[in-house]
Amino acid sequence: MIPLLGTVLGATAKTLLISLLSEKVIIKVLVGKNEGDGLLGWLVKRSTNKLDDQLVHTIRERLQETGKL
């Protein structure tokens, strides 16, 4: 019983770690570390819509405030 519980807890910790790392990778790919980086920054450069520019800027600011970026 105890070895089974250890295996389940180990697998749960591994899954949690992978999901957290995946979240950071996805955020960095979408938003990028600097202004204009990432997929969203690339799209903003090709757009003339100021609303999109402001939205990406706000997302980047909030992620930097929370320390996720």
Protein backbone atom coordinates (compact mmCIF):
# COMPACT_ATOMS: atom_id res chain seq x y z
CA MET A 1 0.00 0.00 0.00
CA ILE A 2 2.77 2.48 0.94
CA PRO A 3 4.80 1.94 -2.27
CA LEU A 4 1.67 2.49 -4.33
CA LEU A 5 0.94 5.74 -2.50
CA GLY A 6 4.53 6.89 -3.08
CA THR A 7 4.22 6.14 -6.78
CA VAL A 8 0.96 8.07 -7.04
CA LEU A 9 2.40 11.07 -5.18
CA GLY A 10 5.53 11.01 -7.33
CA ALA A 11 3.52 10.91 -10.53
CA THR A 12 1.32 13.75 -9.31
CA ALA A 13 4.32 15.92 -8.49
CA LYS A 14 5.85 15.19 -11.90
CA THR A 15 2.63 16.11 -13.70
CA LEU A 16 2.30 19.34 -11.71
CA LEU A 17 5.90 20.34 -12.44
CA ILE A 18 5.52 19.66 -16.17
CA SER A 19 2.28 21.66 -16.35
CA LEU A 20 3.85 24.64 -14.56
CA LEU A 21 6.88 24.61 -16.84
CA SER A 22 4.64 24.30 -19.87
CA GLU A 23 2.66 27.36 -18.76
CA LYS A 24 5.83 29.46 -18.55
CA VAL A 25 7.01 28.26 -21.95
CA ILE A 26 3.66 29.02 -23.57
CA ILE A 27 3.59 32.52 -22.02
CA LYS A 28 7.13 33.26 -23.22
CA VAL A 29 6.33 32.08 -26.74
CA LEU A 30 3.11 34.08 -26.96
CA VAL A 31 4.15 37.27 -25.17
CA GLY A 32 7.94 37.19 -25.25
CA LYS A 33 10.32 38.66 -22.72
CA ASN A 34 10.72 42.14 -24.25
CA GLU A 35 8.37 44.55 -25.98
CA GLY A 36 7.68 43.29 -29.49
CA ASP A 37 8.91 39.75 -28.82
CA GLY A 38 6.81 36.63 -29.06
CA LEU A 39 3.99 35.68 -31.34
CA LEU A 40 1.64 38.40 -30.09
CA GLY A 41 4.33 41.06 -30.53
CA TRP A 42 4.94 39.88 -34.07
CA LEU A 43 1.21 40.12 -34.83
CA VAL A 44 0.98 43.59 -33.26
CA LYS A 45 3.79 44.85 -35.51
CA ARG A 46 1.77 43.78 -38.55
CA SER A 47 -1.50 45.24 -37.29
CA THR A 48 -2.67 48.84 -37.46
CA ASN A 49 -5.30 48.34 -34.77
CA LYS A 50 -4.42 50.37 -31.64
CA LEU A 51 -6.82 48.31 -29.52
CA ASP A 52 -4.79 45.15 -30.20
CA ASP A 53 -1.58 46.99 -29.35
CA GLN A 54 -3.00 48.17 -26.02
CA LEU A 55 -4.34 44.70 -25.18
CA VAL A 56 -0.96 43.02 -25.71
CA HIS A 57 0.76 45.79 -23.73
CA THR A 58 -1.67 45.31 -20.82
CA ILE A 59 -1.20 41.52 -20.85
CA ARG A 60 2.59 41.94 -20.80
CA GLU A 61 2.42 44.43 -17.89
CA ARG A 62 0.20 42.16 -15.81
CA LEU A 63 2.40 39.13 -16.41
CA GLN A 64 5.50 41.13 -15.41
CA GLU A 65 3.75 42.37 -12.25
CA THR A 66 2.90 38.82 -11.19
CA GLY A 67 6.41 37.59 -12.01
CA LYS A 68 5.33 35.12 -14.68
CA LEU A 69 7.30 36.94 -17.33
